Amino acid sequence: MAAAPISSMTTPPAPPALSEGSRIVNTFIAPSKTFTDLRRSSSWRVPWLLISIFSLISIYAMERQIGFEQVTKNSIAHSSKAEQFDKLPADQQAKQIQVITSFTRYFSWGIPLVNLIVFVIVAAVLMATFNLVLSAGVPYKTALAIVIYAGLPQVISAVLGIISMFSGVDPGGFNAQNPVATNPAYFMDPAGSKFAYTMASALDVFVIWSIILTGIGFACNSKVKRSTAIAVVAGCYFLYKLVGAAFASM
C-alpha cells in the first residue's frame, strides 16, 4: 500500500519576538519589523517614555538658555496681536507677560501628558478613518502603538533643538514653535502671512518621516497597501494643517 503523500504546504514559522529596544532601533532602520511585531504585543509605554524624556530635556534647555519670559515675549511679537499689545500701558503689558509665562511654564513641563493626549486623539482619528473607509480592522490599542512608535523621530528633532539652544542661539530670535531649520517656515517671518507660514511648517522633515512611519504601521497591521496607507495619513495631516492655516490667517 502506497504511503500517503506528504503535503508541501507548511506553515511558515512566526518571526521572533522583538524586545522593546529592538523595536525602537528597528523603527528607524527596519520599521516593518517593529510594526509587524505590534500584532504580537501593542505595548507603547517605552517609546512614549523615551519621547517624554527628550522632550523634558528640551524644555530644560529652553528654560535655562532662553527663559520662559523671553519665549513669551517672542511669541507675542510674532502674533497678530503684537500691535495691540504694544499699545497697552506698561503695567498691563507686564501683567499679561507674567500670566502667559506662567501658563507656558506649566504647559511645557506637562509635555509628556500633552503628547500622550495628542497621540490618543490622533490614533482615534486614524483608526476610525482606516477602519470605516478602508475596512482595515485595526484595533485601537494597535493604532495607538503605531502612532507613538511613529513619533520616535521627535527624539532626533529634540536633540537638534537642544544642541541649537546650548550652542548659543539668539534668545530674541528664538521661536519655540519652530526651533530648528527642518522646514521652510524656519526661514520665513512668523509675523508675515500666517497661512503661508503654517502650511510651510507642515513640510517638516521629521513630521513627514513620522507620516511615512505611521502609514507603514497601518499597512503592516491590515491589508491596506503601503502607498495607500501613507497617502491617507498624509491627507489627514495636511487637511488638519490647512484648517489650522485658515484659522490662523483670520
C-alpha atoms as a PDB file:
ATOM      1  CA  MET A   1       0.000   0.000   0.000  1.00  0.00           C
ATOM      2  CA  ALA A   2       1.473   3.325  -1.043  1.00  0.00           C
ATOM      3  CA  ALA A   3       2.243   5.841   1.637  1.00  0.00           C
ATOM      4  CA  ALA A   4       0.068   8.944   1.764  1.00  0.00           C
ATOM      5  CA  PRO A   5       1.700  11.878   0.027  1.00  0.00           C
ATOM      6  CA  ILE A   6       3.219  14.468   2.344  1.00  0.00           C
ATOM      7  CA  SER A   7       1.676  17.892   1.880  1.00  0.00           C
ATOM      8  CA  SER A   8       4.091  20.518   0.597  1.00  0.00           C
ATOM      9  CA  MET A   9       2.051  23.218   2.317  1.00  0.00           C
ATOM     10  CA  THR A  10       3.754  24.093   5.578  1.00  0.00           C
ATOM     11  CA  THR A  11       3.003  26.939   7.947  1.00  0.00           C
ATOM     12  CA  PRO A  12       5.840  29.454   7.885  1.00  0.00           C
ATOM     13  CA  PRO A  13       7.453  29.978  11.284  1.00  0.00           C
ATOM     14  CA  ALA A  14       6.382  33.059  13.166  1.00  0.00           C
ATOM     15  CA  PRO A  15       9.010  35.833  13.232  1.00  0.00           C
ATOM     16  CA  PRO A  16      10.925  36.038  16.523  1.00  0.00           C
ATOM     17  CA  ALA A  17       9.501  38.387  19.118  1.00  0.00           C
ATOM     18  CA  LEU A  18      11.304  41.702  19.382  1.00  0.00           C
ATOM     19  CA  SER A  19      12.458  43.302  22.604  1.00  0.00           C
ATOM     20  CA  GLU A  20      11.439  46.900  23.297  1.00  0.00           C
ATOM     21  CA  GLY A  21      14.977  48.026  22.476  1.00  0.00           C
ATOM     22  CA  SER A  22      14.906  46.184  19.150  1.00  0.00           C
ATOM     23  CA  ARG A  23      11.548  47.719  18.336  1.00  0.00           C
ATOM     24  CA  ILE A  24      12.873  51.221  18.908  1.00  0.00           C
ATOM     25  CA  VAL A  25      16.018  50.647  16.832  1.00  0.00           C
ATOM     26  CA  ASN A  26      14.065  48.970  14.029  1.00  0.00           C
ATOM     27  CA  THR A  27      11.626  51.871  13.891  1.00  0.00           C
ATOM     28  CA  PHE A  28      14.495  53.830  12.339  1.00  0.00           C
ATOM     29  CA  ILE A  29      16.239  51.147  10.261  1.00  0.00           C
ATOM     30  CA  ALA A  30      13.613  48.438   9.582  1.00  0.00           C
ATOM     31  CA  PRO A  31      10.183  49.838  10.536  1.00  0.00           C
ATOM     32  CA  SER A  32       8.215  46.926   9.060  1.00  0.00           C
ATOM     33  CA  LYS A  33       9.718  44.614  11.687  1.00  0.00           C
ATOM     34  CA  THR A  34       8.621  46.871  14.516  1.00  0.00           C
ATOM     35  CA  PHE A  35       5.097  47.439  13.238  1.00  0.00           C
ATOM     36  CA  THR A  36       4.563  43.782  12.369  1.00  0.00           C
ATOM     37  CA  ASP A  37       5.590  42.883  15.919  1.00  0.00           C
ATOM     38  CA  LEU A  38       2.718  45.046  17.197  1.00  0.00           C
ATOM     39  CA  ARG A  39       0.413  42.194  16.185  1.00  0.00           C
ATOM     40  CA  ARG A  40       2.012  40.196  18.986  1.00  0.00           C
ATOM     41  CA  SER A  41       2.124  42.965  21.563  1.00  0.00           C
ATOM     42  CA  SER A  42       0.855  46.503  21.159  1.00  0.00           C
ATOM     43  CA  SER A  43       2.743  47.914  24.127  1.00  0.00           C
ATOM     44  CA  TRP A  44       3.578  51.600  23.654  1.00  0.00           C
ATOM     45  CA  ARG A  45       4.877  52.816  27.045  1.00  0.00           C
ATOM     46  CA  VAL A  46       8.621  52.561  26.298  1.00  0.00           C
ATOM     47  CA  PRO A  47       8.635  54.764  23.157  1.00  0.00           C
ATOM     48  CA  TRP A  48       6.310  57.251  24.879  1.00  0.00           C
ATOM     49  CA  LEU A  49       8.702  57.375  27.839  1.00  0.00           C
ATOM     50  CA  LEU A  50      11.677  57.921  25.509  1.00  0.00           C
ATOM     51  CA  ILE A  51       9.902  60.760  23.701  1.00  0.00           C
ATOM     52  CA  SER A  52       8.911  62.253  27.057  1.00  0.00           C
ATOM     53  CA  ILE A  53      12.467  62.186  28.429  1.00  0.00           C
ATOM     54  CA  PHE A  54      13.945  64.022  25.456  1.00  0.00           C
ATOM     55  CA  SER A  55      11.029  66.454  25.393  1.00  0.00           C
ATOM     56  CA  LEU A  56      11.686  67.335  29.042  1.00  0.00           C
ATOM     57  CA  ILE A  57      15.405  67.763  28.372  1.00  0.00           C
ATOM     58  CA  SER A  58      14.462  70.144  25.562  1.00  0.00           C
ATOM     59  CA  ILE A  59      12.208  72.095  27.939  1.00  0.00           C
ATOM     60  CA  TYR A  60      15.038  72.281  30.469  1.00  0.00           C
ATOM     61  CA  ALA A  61      17.378  73.645  27.792  1.00  0.00           C
ATOM     62  CA  MET A  62      14.793  76.212  26.740  1.00  0.00           C
ATOM     63  CA  GLU A  63      14.222  77.416  30.302  1.00  0.00           C
ATOM     64  CA  ARG A  64      17.958  77.646  31.008  1.00  0.00           C
ATOM     65  CA  GLN A  65      19.196  79.115  27.725  1.00  0.00           C
ATOM     66  CA  ILE A  66      16.200  81.191  26.608  1.00  0.00           C
ATOM     67  CA  GLY A  67      13.882  81.647  29.593  1.00  0.00           C
ATOM     68  CA  PHE A  68      10.099  81.312  29.547  1.00  0.00           C
ATOM     69  CA  GLU A  69       9.606  85.067  29.805  1.00  0.00           C
ATOM     70  CA  GLN A  70      11.663  85.596  26.656  1.00  0.00           C
ATOM     71  CA  VAL A  71       9.742  82.805  24.941  1.00  0.00           C
ATOM     72  CA  THR A  72       6.526  84.649  25.821  1.00  0.00           C
ATOM     73  CA  LYS A  73       7.822  87.973  24.523  1.00  0.00           C
ATOM     74  CA  ASN A  74       8.915  86.356  21.252  1.00  0.00           C
ATOM     75  CA  SER A  75       5.534  84.661  20.860  1.00  0.00           C
ATOM     76  CA  ILE A  76       3.692  87.940  21.361  1.00  0.00           C
ATOM     77  CA  ALA A  77       5.997  89.750  18.921  1.00  0.00           C
ATOM     78  CA  HIS A  78       5.247  87.152  16.244  1.00  0.00           C
ATOM     79  CA  SER A  79       1.482  87.096  16.850  1.00  0.00           C
ATOM     80  CA  SER A  80      -1.234  89.031  15.044  1.00  0.00           C
ATOM     81  CA  LYS A  81      -1.928  90.937  18.278  1.00  0.00           C
ATOM     82  CA  ALA A  82       1.573  92.428  18.545  1.00  0.00           C
ATOM     83  CA  GLU A  83       0.464  95.957  17.624  1.00  0.00           C
ATOM     84  CA  GLN A  84      -2.459  95.800  20.027  1.00  0.00           C
ATOM     85  CA  PHE A  85      -0.142  94.608  22.801  1.00  0.00           C
ATOM     86  CA  ASP A  86       2.331  97.441  22.160  1.00  0.00           C
ATOM     87  CA  LYS A  87      -0.452  99.991  22.727  1.00  0.00           C
ATOM     88  CA  LEU A  88      -1.177  98.719  26.234  1.00  0.00           C
ATOM     89  CA  PRO A  89       0.203 100.576  29.283  1.00  0.00           C
ATOM     90  CA  ALA A  90       3.451  99.157  30.649  1.00  0.00           C
ATOM     91  CA  ASP A  91       1.785  97.682  33.750  1.00  0.00           C
ATOM     92  CA  GLN A  92      -0.786  95.799  31.673  1.00  0.00           C
ATOM     93  CA  GLN A  93       1.931  94.507  29.363  1.00  0.00           C
ATOM     94  CA  ALA A  94       3.897  93.222  32.346  1.00  0.00           C
ATOM     95  CA  LYS A  95       0.791  91.561  33.811  1.00  0.00           C
ATOM     96  CA  GLN A  96      -0.048  89.806  30.534  1.00  0.00           C
ATOM     97  CA  ILE A  97       3.533  88.622  30.118  1.00  0.00           C
ATOM     98  CA  GLN A  98       3.506  87.252  33.668  1.00  0.00           C
ATOM     99  CA  VAL A  99       0.243  85.345  33.150  1.00  0.00           C
ATOM    100  CA  ILE A 100       1.256  83.916  29.774  1.00  0.00           C
ATOM    101  CA  THR A 101       4.719  82.992  31.071  1.00  0.00           C
ATOM    102  CA  SER A 102       3.233  81.061  33.990  1.00  0.00           C
ATOM    103  CA  PHE A 103       0.896  79.174  31.679  1.00  0.00           C
ATOM    104  CA  THR A 104       3.720  78.443  29.238  1.00  0.00           C
ATOM    105  CA  ARG A 105       5.938  77.111  32.023  1.00  0.00           C
ATOM    106  CA  TYR A 106       3.328  74.706  33.431  1.00  0.00           C
ATOM    107  CA  PHE A 107       2.171  73.634  29.991  1.00  0.00           C
ATOM    108  CA  SER A 108       5.736  72.981  28.850  1.00  0.00           C
ATOM    109  CA  TRP A 109       6.681  70.863  31.859  1.00  0.00           C
ATOM    110  CA  GLY A 110       3.489  68.881  31.328  1.00  0.00           C
ATOM    111  CA  ILE A 111       4.590  67.946  27.806  1.00  0.00           C
ATOM    112  CA  PRO A 112       4.618  64.152  28.450  1.00  0.00           C
ATOM    113  CA  LEU A 113       0.896  64.271  29.273  1.00  0.00           C
ATOM    114  CA  VAL A 114       0.206  66.687  26.419  1.00  0.00           C
ATOM    115  CA  ASN A 115       1.983  64.367  23.969  1.00  0.00           C
ATOM    116  CA  LEU A 116       0.001  61.387  25.244  1.00  0.00           C
ATOM    117  CA  ILE A 117      -3.300  63.216  24.800  1.00  0.00           C
ATOM    118  CA  VAL A 118      -2.307  64.157  21.240  1.00  0.00           C
ATOM    119  CA  PHE A 119      -1.287  60.558  20.494  1.00  0.00           C
ATOM    120  CA  VAL A 120      -4.616  59.277  21.868  1.00  0.00           C
ATOM    121  CA  ILE A 121      -6.628  61.672  19.684  1.00  0.00           C
ATOM    122  CA  VAL A 122      -4.558  61.074  16.526  1.00  0.00           C
ATOM    123  CA  ALA A 123      -4.795  57.303  16.994  1.00  0.00           C
ATOM    124  CA  ALA A 124      -8.580  57.511  17.363  1.00  0.00           C
ATOM    125  CA  VAL A 125      -8.964  59.638  14.220  1.00  0.00           C
ATOM    126  CA  LEU A 126      -6.699  57.421  12.115  1.00  0.00           C
ATOM    127  CA  MET A 127      -8.245  54.198  13.402  1.00  0.00           C
ATOM    128  CA  ALA A 128     -11.708  55.485  12.526  1.00  0.00           C
ATOM    129  CA  THR A 129     -10.533  56.606   9.082  1.00  0.00           C
ATOM    130  CA  PHE A 130      -8.801  53.334   8.221  1.00  0.00           C
ATOM    131  CA  ASN A 131     -11.496  51.083   9.670  1.00  0.00           C
ATOM    132  CA  LEU A 132     -14.543  52.928   8.332  1.00  0.00           C
ATOM    133  CA  VAL A 133     -13.179  53.921   4.920  1.00  0.00           C
ATOM    134  CA  LEU A 134     -10.757  51.088   4.139  1.00  0.00           C
ATOM    135  CA  SER A 135     -12.112  48.294   6.401  1.00  0.00           C
ATOM    136  CA  ALA A 136      -8.622  47.890   7.869  1.00  0.00           C
ATOM    137  CA  GLY A 137      -9.790  46.268  11.095  1.00  0.00           C
ATOM    138  CA  VAL A 138      -7.010  47.769  13.213  1.00  0.00           C
ATOM    139  CA  PRO A 139      -7.740  47.663  16.980  1.00  0.00           C
ATOM    140  CA  TYR A 140      -7.431  50.935  18.874  1.00  0.00           C
ATOM    141  CA  LYS A 141      -4.568  49.760  21.091  1.00  0.00           C
ATOM    142  CA  THR A 142      -2.580  48.796  17.993  1.00  0.00           C
ATOM    143  CA  ALA A 143      -3.391  52.142  16.349  1.00  0.00           C
ATOM    144  CA  LEU A 144      -2.128  53.946  19.452  1.00  0.00           C
ATOM    145  CA  ALA A 145       1.104  51.934  19.462  1.00  0.00           C
ATOM    146  CA  ILE A 146       1.615  52.676  15.753  1.00  0.00           C
ATOM    147  CA  VAL A 147       1.200  56.414  16.290  1.00  0.00           C
ATOM    148  CA  ILE A 148       3.556  56.518  19.287  1.00  0.00           C
ATOM    149  CA  TYR A 149       6.298  54.448  17.650  1.00  0.00           C
ATOM    150  CA  ALA A 150       5.930  56.600  14.536  1.00  0.00           C
ATOM    151  CA  GLY A 151       6.530  59.621  16.764  1.00  0.00           C
ATOM    152  CA  LEU A 152      10.060  58.500  17.654  1.00  0.00           C
ATOM    153  CA  PRO A 153      11.681  60.855  15.081  1.00  0.00           C
ATOM    154  CA  GLN A 154      10.660  63.580  17.553  1.00  0.00           C
ATOM    155  CA  VAL A 155      13.591  62.391  19.640  1.00  0.00           C
ATOM    156  CA  ILE A 156      16.060  63.361  16.915  1.00  0.00           C
ATOM    157  CA  SER A 157      14.261  66.667  16.422  1.00  0.00           C
ATOM    158  CA  ALA A 158      14.502  67.346  20.172  1.00  0.00           C
ATOM    159  CA  VAL A 159      18.216  66.530  20.182  1.00  0.00           C
ATOM    160  CA  LEU A 160      18.818  69.022  17.363  1.00  0.00           C
ATOM    161  CA  GLY A 161      16.863  71.654  19.255  1.00  0.00           C
ATOM    162  CA  ILE A 162      18.842  71.003  22.433  1.00  0.00           C
ATOM    163  CA  ILE A 163      22.138  71.318  20.550  1.00  0.00           C
ATOM    164  CA  SER A 164      20.932  74.546  18.946  1.00  0.00           C
ATOM    165  CA  MET A 165      19.947  76.098  22.267  1.00  0.00           C
ATOM    166  CA  PHE A 166      23.159  75.153  24.067  1.00  0.00           C
ATOM    167  CA  SER A 167      25.295  76.292  21.124  1.00  0.00           C
ATOM    168  CA  GLY A 168      24.296  79.897  21.691  1.00  0.00           C
ATOM    169  CA  VAL A 169      21.106  80.647  19.737  1.00  0.00           C
ATOM    170  CA  ASP A 170      19.912  84.267  19.926  1.00  0.00           C
ATOM    171  CA  PRO A 171      17.207  84.348  22.656  1.00  0.00           C
ATOM    172  CA  GLY A 172      15.474  87.283  20.983  1.00  0.00           C
ATOM    173  CA  GLY A 173      15.074  85.388  17.713  1.00  0.00           C
ATOM    174  CA  PHE A 174      14.141  82.041  19.224  1.00  0.00           C
ATOM    175  CA  ASN A 175      10.828  80.533  18.092  1.00  0.00           C
ATOM    176  CA  ALA A 176       9.671  77.809  20.471  1.00  0.00           C
ATOM    177  CA  GLN A 177       7.212  76.501  17.875  1.00  0.00           C
ATOM    178  CA  ASN A 178       9.893  76.140  15.225  1.00  0.00           C
ATOM    179  CA  PRO A 179      13.344  75.999  16.863  1.00  0.00           C
ATOM    180  CA  VAL A 180      15.309  74.099  14.182  1.00  0.00           C
ATOM    181  CA  ALA A 181      15.672  74.580  10.420  1.00  0.00           C
ATOM    182  CA  THR A 182      13.830  71.388   9.448  1.00  0.00           C
ATOM    183  CA  ASN A 183      11.067  73.061   7.427  1.00  0.00           C
ATOM    184  CA  PRO A 184      10.733  76.074   5.091  1.00  0.00           C
ATOM    185  CA  ALA A 185       8.831  78.115   7.685  1.00  0.00           C
ATOM    186  CA  TYR A 186      12.007  78.415   9.759  1.00  0.00           C
ATOM    187  CA  PHE A 187      13.363  80.832   7.142  1.00  0.00           C
ATOM    188  CA  MET A 188      10.127  82.853   6.955  1.00  0.00           C
ATOM    189  CA  ASP A 189       8.900  85.770   9.035  1.00  0.00           C
ATOM    190  CA  PRO A 190       6.393  84.395  11.610  1.00  0.00           C
ATOM    191  CA  ALA A 191       4.708  87.796  11.656  1.00  0.00           C
ATOM    192  CA  GLY A 192       4.076  87.654   7.898  1.00  0.00           C
ATOM    193  CA  SER A 193       1.396  85.609   6.135  1.00  0.00           C
ATOM    194  CA  LYS A 194       0.036  83.237   8.771  1.00  0.00           C
ATOM    195  CA  PHE A 195      -1.459  80.946   6.137  1.00  0.00           C
ATOM    196  CA  ALA A 196       1.792  80.587   4.212  1.00  0.00           C
ATOM    197  CA  TYR A 197       3.817  80.176   7.403  1.00  0.00           C
ATOM    198  CA  THR A 198       1.539  77.450   8.788  1.00  0.00           C
ATOM    199  CA  MET A 199       1.500  75.488   5.539  1.00  0.00           C
ATOM    200  CA  ALA A 200       5.272  75.826   5.147  1.00  0.00           C
ATOM    201  CA  SER A 201       5.754  74.472   8.671  1.00  0.00           C
ATOM    202  CA  ALA A 202       3.791  71.378   7.611  1.00  0.00           C
ATOM    203  CA  LEU A 203       6.662  70.427   5.300  1.00  0.00           C
ATOM    204  CA  ASP A 204       8.852  69.433   8.222  1.00  0.00           C
ATOM    205  CA  VAL A 205      11.396  66.659   7.672  1.00  0.00           C
ATOM    206  CA  PHE A 206      10.576  64.881  10.916  1.00  0.00           C
ATOM    207  CA  VAL A 207       6.821  65.247  10.525  1.00  0.00           C
ATOM    208  CA  ILE A 208       6.988  63.743   7.043  1.00  0.00           C
ATOM    209  CA  TRP A 209       9.158  60.944   8.439  1.00  0.00           C
ATOM    210  CA  SER A 210       6.521  60.241  11.098  1.00  0.00           C
ATOM    211  CA  ILE A 211       3.751  60.292   8.479  1.00  0.00           C
ATOM    212  CA  ILE A 212       5.573  57.658   6.423  1.00  0.00           C
ATOM    213  CA  LEU A 213       6.169  55.513   9.514  1.00  0.00           C
ATOM    214  CA  THR A 214       2.514  55.774  10.515  1.00  0.00           C
ATOM    215  CA  GLY A 215       1.416  54.665   7.054  1.00  0.00           C
ATOM    216  CA  ILE A 216       3.806  51.716   7.192  1.00  0.00           C
ATOM    217  CA  GLY A 217       2.433  50.824  10.609  1.00  0.00           C
ATOM    218  CA  PHE A 218      -1.181  50.696   9.451  1.00  0.00           C
ATOM    219  CA  ALA A 219      -0.202  48.783   6.307  1.00  0.00           C
ATOM    220  CA  CYS A 220       1.666  46.173   8.372  1.00  0.00           C
ATOM    221  CA  ASN A 221      -1.412  45.618  10.530  1.00  0.00           C
ATOM    222  CA  SER A 222      -4.027  45.448   7.781  1.00  0.00           C
ATOM    223  CA  LYS A 223      -4.457  44.544   4.127  1.00  0.00           C
ATOM    224  CA  VAL A 224      -4.196  48.175   3.040  1.00  0.00           C
ATOM    225  CA  LYS A 225      -1.373  48.861   0.587  1.00  0.00           C
ATOM    226  CA  ARG A 226       1.562  50.771   1.996  1.00  0.00           C
ATOM    227  CA  SER A 227       1.295  53.605  -0.544  1.00  0.00           C
ATOM    228  CA  THR A 228      -2.431  53.958   0.158  1.00  0.00           C
ATOM    229  CA  ALA A 229      -1.879  53.978   3.916  1.00  0.00           C
ATOM    230  CA  ILE A 230       0.801  56.671   3.698  1.00  0.00           C
ATOM    231  CA  ALA A 231      -1.421  58.757   1.426  1.00  0.00           C
ATOM    232  CA  VAL A 232      -4.329  58.508   3.889  1.00  0.00           C
ATOM    233  CA  VAL A 233      -2.168  59.608   6.834  1.00  0.00           C
ATOM    234  CA  ALA A 234      -0.644  62.451   4.802  1.00  0.00           C
ATOM    235  CA  GLY A 235      -4.098  63.543   3.648  1.00  0.00           C
ATOM    236  CA  CYS A 236      -5.422  63.678   7.214  1.00  0.00           C
ATOM    237  CA  TYR A 237      -2.409  65.643   8.392  1.00  0.00           C
ATOM    238  CA  PHE A 238      -2.406  68.223   5.615  1.00  0.00           C
ATOM    239  CA  LEU A 239      -6.181  68.678   5.939  1.00  0.00           C
ATOM    240  CA  TYR A 240      -5.625  69.443   9.618  1.00  0.00           C
ATOM    241  CA  LYS A 241      -2.853  71.927   8.761  1.00  0.00           C
ATOM    242  CA  LEU A 242      -4.999  73.530   6.066  1.00  0.00           C
ATOM    243  CA  VAL A 243      -7.819  74.149   8.538  1.00  0.00           C
ATOM    244  CA  GLY A 244      -5.304  75.455  11.085  1.00  0.00           C
ATOM    245  CA  ALA A 245      -3.767  77.766   8.493  1.00  0.00           C
ATOM    246  CA  ALA A 246      -7.186  79.122   7.571  1.00  0.00           C
ATOM    247  CA  PHE A 247      -7.977  79.953  11.206  1.00  0.00           C
ATOM    248  CA  ALA A 248      -4.505  81.419  11.766  1.00  0.00           C
ATOM    249  CA  SER A 249      -4.953  83.794   8.858  1.00  0.00           C
ATOM    250  CA  MET A 250      -8.245  85.209  10.163  1.00  0.00           C
END
